[in-house]
Amino acid sequence: MSDAPETKPGDWIKIGSVDCLVIEVHSPDRASDKVDVICNPARPAVYGANWVGDKWEFAHPMRGDYAEHHPAAAPYVDWLKAGRD
């Protein structure tokens, strides 16, 4: 079991200074250390993220997919553009 905080699709997390919306958790255990996130409201993109020590980090910061190419991201694009509450 991971020491990552419990997350589920629709949760907001911070990666560095970037607000990200979780779109997929890669484990049936909500405390997964691997998730997919969507960020960048101006041009929504999907990235992998890992829990490393005590924080979330982008798995490959330069290798995101535009949200329109990632079907799982579609329900979250408007939510991302609206921003955090």
N, C-alpha and C. Protein backbone atom coordinates (compact mmCIF):
# COMPACT_ATOMS: atom_id res chain seq x y z
N MET A 1 0.83 -1.18 0.00
CA MET A 1 0.00 0.00 0.00
C MET A 1 0.88 1.24 0.00
N SER A 2 0.45 2.24 -0.73
CA SER A 2 1.20 3.47 -0.89
C SER A 2 0.96 4.41 0.29
N ASP A 3 1.89 5.34 0.49
CA ASP A 3 1.69 6.38 1.50
C ASP A 3 1.09 7.64 0.86
N ALA A 4 0.66 7.52 -0.40
CA ALA A 4 0.04 8.65 -1.09
C ALA A 4 -1.31 8.97 -0.46
N PRO A 5 -1.71 10.23 -0.49
CA PRO A 5 -3.03 10.57 0.04
C PRO A 5 -4.12 9.95 -0.84
N GLU A 6 -5.26 9.68 -0.24
CA GLU A 6 -6.38 9.12 -0.98
C GLU A 6 -6.85 10.12 -2.03
N THR A 7 -7.01 9.65 -3.26
CA THR A 7 -7.49 10.50 -4.35
C THR A 7 -8.52 9.73 -5.16
N LYS A 8 -9.36 10.48 -5.84
CA LYS A 8 -10.34 9.89 -6.74
C LYS A 8 -10.54 10.86 -7.90
N PRO A 9 -11.06 10.37 -9.01
CA PRO A 9 -11.33 11.29 -10.12
C PRO A 9 -12.20 12.46 -9.65
N GLY A 10 -11.79 13.65 -10.08
CA GLY A 10 -12.49 14.87 -9.67
C GLY A 10 -11.81 15.62 -8.54
N ASP A 11 -10.82 14.99 -7.88
CA ASP A 11 -10.08 15.68 -6.82
C ASP A 11 -9.05 16.63 -7.43
N TRP A 12 -8.86 17.77 -6.79
CA TRP A 12 -7.80 18.71 -7.16
C TRP A 12 -6.55 18.36 -6.38
N ILE A 13 -5.41 18.37 -7.05
CA ILE A 13 -4.11 18.21 -6.39
C ILE A 13 -3.18 19.30 -6.92
N LYS A 14 -2.12 19.57 -6.19
CA LYS A 14 -1.08 20.51 -6.62
C LYS A 14 0.15 19.72 -7.02
N ILE A 15 0.71 20.07 -8.17
CA ILE A 15 2.00 19.54 -8.58
C ILE A 15 2.89 20.75 -8.76
N GLY A 16 3.79 20.94 -7.81
CA GLY A 16 4.54 22.20 -7.76
C GLY A 16 3.55 23.32 -7.52
N SER A 17 3.50 24.29 -8.41
CA SER A 17 2.55 25.40 -8.28
C SER A 17 1.33 25.23 -9.19
N VAL A 18 1.22 24.07 -9.83
CA VAL A 18 0.17 23.84 -10.83
C VAL A 18 -1.04 23.14 -10.21
N ASP A 19 -2.23 23.74 -10.39
CA ASP A 19 -3.47 23.09 -9.99
C ASP A 19 -3.83 22.04 -11.04
N CYS A 20 -4.07 20.82 -10.59
CA CYS A 20 -4.39 19.71 -11.49
C CYS A 20 -5.64 19.00 -11.00
N LEU A 21 -6.39 18.47 -11.92
CA LEU A 21 -7.61 17.74 -11.63
C LEU A 21 -7.36 16.26 -11.94
N VAL A 22 -7.56 15.41 -10.95
CA VAL A 22 -7.36 13.96 -11.14
C VAL A 22 -8.46 13.44 -12.05
N ILE A 23 -8.06 12.70 -13.12
CA ILE A 23 -9.05 12.10 -14.00
C ILE A 23 -9.04 10.57 -13.93
N GLU A 24 -7.94 10.00 -13.43
CA GLU A 24 -7.87 8.54 -13.33
C GLU A 24 -6.89 8.15 -12.24
N VAL A 25 -7.26 7.13 -11.46
CA VAL A 25 -6.40 6.57 -10.41
C VAL A 25 -6.00 5.18 -10.87
N HIS A 26 -4.71 4.89 -10.88
CA HIS A 26 -4.20 3.63 -11.44
C HIS A 26 -4.13 2.49 -10.44
N SER A 27 -5.13 2.38 -9.62
CA SER A 27 -5.19 1.29 -8.66
C SER A 27 -6.59 1.27 -8.07
N PRO A 28 -7.08 0.10 -7.73
CA PRO A 28 -8.38 0.08 -7.05
C PRO A 28 -8.32 0.73 -5.67
N ASP A 29 -7.11 0.80 -5.11
CA ASP A 29 -6.89 1.45 -3.82
C ASP A 29 -6.79 2.95 -4.07
N ARG A 30 -7.62 3.74 -3.45
CA ARG A 30 -7.61 5.19 -3.68
C ARG A 30 -6.33 5.86 -3.22
N ALA A 31 -5.50 5.17 -2.49
CA ALA A 31 -4.22 5.73 -2.06
C ALA A 31 -3.13 5.33 -3.06
N SER A 32 -3.47 5.34 -4.34
CA SER A 32 -2.53 4.98 -5.39
C SER A 32 -1.45 6.05 -5.51
N ASP A 33 -0.24 5.62 -5.87
CA ASP A 33 0.84 6.58 -6.06
C ASP A 33 0.98 6.97 -7.53
N LYS A 34 0.05 6.52 -8.40
CA LYS A 34 0.07 6.88 -9.82
C LYS A 34 -1.33 7.30 -10.24
N VAL A 35 -1.42 8.51 -10.80
CA VAL A 35 -2.69 9.04 -11.27
C VAL A 35 -2.47 9.75 -12.61
N ASP A 36 -3.56 9.97 -13.34
CA ASP A 36 -3.53 10.85 -14.50
C ASP A 36 -4.27 12.12 -14.10
N VAL A 37 -3.74 13.25 -14.55
CA VAL A 37 -4.33 14.54 -14.22
C VAL A 37 -4.51 15.36 -15.48
N ILE A 38 -5.40 16.34 -15.40
CA ILE A 38 -5.56 17.32 -16.47
C ILE A 38 -5.23 18.69 -15.87
N CYS A 39 -4.51 19.50 -16.63
CA CYS A 39 -4.14 20.84 -16.17
C CYS A 39 -4.03 21.77 -17.38
N ASN A 40 -3.79 23.03 -17.13
CA ASN A 40 -3.64 24.07 -18.13
C ASN A 40 -4.99 24.42 -18.76
N PRO A 41 -5.79 25.22 -18.09
CA PRO A 41 -7.12 25.57 -18.60
C PRO A 41 -7.11 26.21 -20.00
N ALA A 42 -6.04 26.93 -20.35
CA ALA A 42 -5.97 27.59 -21.65
C ALA A 42 -5.81 26.57 -22.79
N ARG A 43 -5.14 25.47 -22.52
CA ARG A 43 -4.94 24.39 -23.51
C ARG A 43 -4.86 23.09 -22.73
N PRO A 44 -6.02 22.55 -22.30
CA PRO A 44 -6.04 21.39 -21.42
C PRO A 44 -5.19 20.23 -21.92
N ALA A 45 -4.37 19.71 -21.02
CA ALA A 45 -3.49 18.59 -21.34
C ALA A 45 -3.50 17.58 -20.20
N VAL A 46 -3.27 16.33 -20.56
CA VAL A 46 -3.28 15.22 -19.61
C VAL A 46 -1.84 14.77 -19.37
N TYR A 47 -1.51 14.57 -18.09
CA TYR A 47 -0.18 14.12 -17.69
C TYR A 47 -0.31 13.00 -16.68
N GLY A 48 0.69 12.14 -16.64
CA GLY A 48 0.82 11.18 -15.56
C GLY A 48 1.46 11.87 -14.39
N ALA A 49 1.11 11.45 -13.18
CA ALA A 49 1.71 12.00 -11.97
C ALA A 49 1.98 10.87 -10.99
N ASN A 50 3.04 11.03 -10.22
CA ASN A 50 3.44 10.05 -9.22
C ASN A 50 3.58 10.72 -7.86
N TRP A 51 3.25 9.98 -6.81
CA TRP A 51 3.50 10.43 -5.44
C TRP A 51 4.94 10.05 -5.13
N VAL A 52 5.76 11.04 -4.82
CA VAL A 52 7.17 10.81 -4.54
C VAL A 52 7.49 11.42 -3.18
N GLY A 53 7.72 10.56 -2.20
CA GLY A 53 8.03 11.03 -0.85
C GLY A 53 6.83 11.66 -0.19
N ASP A 54 6.72 12.99 -0.31
CA ASP A 54 5.62 13.71 0.35
C ASP A 54 4.91 14.68 -0.57
N LYS A 55 5.04 14.46 -1.90
CA LYS A 55 4.39 15.38 -2.85
C LYS A 55 4.12 14.68 -4.18
N TRP A 56 3.23 15.29 -4.96
CA TRP A 56 2.94 14.83 -6.30
C TRP A 56 3.96 15.45 -7.26
N GLU A 57 4.41 14.66 -8.24
CA GLU A 57 5.31 15.14 -9.30
C GLU A 57 4.81 14.64 -10.64
N PHE A 58 5.03 15.42 -11.70
CA PHE A 58 4.71 14.96 -13.03
C PHE A 58 5.63 13.78 -13.36
N ALA A 59 5.06 12.71 -13.92
CA ALA A 59 5.86 11.55 -14.30
C ALA A 59 6.83 11.93 -15.42
N HIS A 60 6.33 12.64 -16.42
CA HIS A 60 7.13 13.10 -17.56
C HIS A 60 6.63 14.48 -17.92
N PRO A 61 7.21 15.53 -17.33
CA PRO A 61 6.66 16.88 -17.48
C PRO A 61 6.52 17.36 -18.93
N MET A 62 7.32 16.88 -19.82
CA MET A 62 7.27 17.34 -21.21
C MET A 62 6.44 16.42 -22.10
N ARG A 63 5.81 15.39 -21.53
CA ARG A 63 5.07 14.44 -22.35
C ARG A 63 3.61 14.35 -21.94
N GLY A 64 2.89 15.40 -22.19
CA GLY A 64 1.45 15.39 -21.97
C GLY A 64 0.72 15.20 -23.28
N ASP A 65 -0.54 14.81 -23.19
CA ASP A 65 -1.40 14.68 -24.38
C ASP A 65 -2.48 15.74 -24.28
N TYR A 66 -2.79 16.38 -25.39
CA TYR A 66 -3.90 17.32 -25.37
C TYR A 66 -5.18 16.57 -25.00
N ALA A 67 -6.02 17.20 -24.24
CA ALA A 67 -7.21 16.56 -23.69
C ALA A 67 -8.12 16.00 -24.78
N GLU A 68 -8.18 16.67 -25.92
CA GLU A 68 -9.07 16.17 -26.97
C GLU A 68 -8.61 14.82 -27.53
N HIS A 69 -7.38 14.42 -27.25
CA HIS A 69 -6.86 13.13 -27.69
C HIS A 69 -6.96 12.07 -26.59
N HIS A 70 -7.55 12.41 -25.48
CA HIS A 70 -7.62 11.52 -24.31
C HIS A 70 -9.08 11.45 -23.87
N PRO A 71 -9.84 10.45 -24.35
CA PRO A 71 -11.29 10.39 -24.08
C PRO A 71 -11.66 10.48 -22.59
N ALA A 72 -10.84 9.96 -21.70
CA ALA A 72 -11.17 10.00 -20.27
C ALA A 72 -11.17 11.43 -19.74
N ALA A 73 -10.52 12.35 -20.44
CA ALA A 73 -10.43 13.74 -19.98
C ALA A 73 -11.68 14.56 -20.29
N ALA A 74 -12.45 14.15 -21.28
CA ALA A 74 -13.57 14.95 -21.77
C ALA A 74 -14.51 15.45 -20.67
N PRO A 75 -14.92 14.60 -19.71
CA PRO A 75 -15.84 15.10 -18.69
C PRO A 75 -15.23 16.15 -17.75
N TYR A 76 -13.92 16.29 -17.75
CA TYR A 76 -13.24 17.16 -16.79
C TYR A 76 -12.79 18.50 -17.37
N VAL A 77 -12.85 18.66 -18.69
CA VAL A 77 -12.33 19.88 -19.31
C VAL A 77 -13.06 21.13 -18.81
N ASP A 78 -14.40 21.11 -18.81
CA ASP A 78 -15.14 22.29 -18.34
C ASP A 78 -14.88 22.57 -16.87
N TRP A 79 -14.75 21.52 -16.09
CA TRP A 79 -14.46 21.64 -14.67
C TRP A 79 -13.10 22.32 -14.47
N LEU A 80 -12.12 21.88 -15.25
CA LEU A 80 -10.78 22.48 -15.18
C LEU A 80 -10.85 23.96 -15.54
N LYS A 81 -11.57 24.28 -16.61
CA LYS A 81 -11.65 25.67 -17.05
C LYS A 81 -12.35 26.57 -16.04
N ALA A 82 -13.28 25.99 -15.27
CA ALA A 82 -13.98 26.76 -14.22
C ALA A 82 -13.07 27.04 -13.03
N GLY A 83 -12.04 26.22 -12.83
CA GLY A 83 -11.09 26.42 -11.75
C GLY A 83 -11.55 25.84 -10.43
N ARG A 84 -10.67 25.94 -9.47
CA ARG A 84 -10.97 25.45 -8.12
C ARG A 84 -12.00 26.33 -7.45
N ASP A 85 -12.77 25.75 -6.57
CA ASP A 85 -13.77 26.54 -5.82
C ASP A 85 -13.09 27.50 -4.88
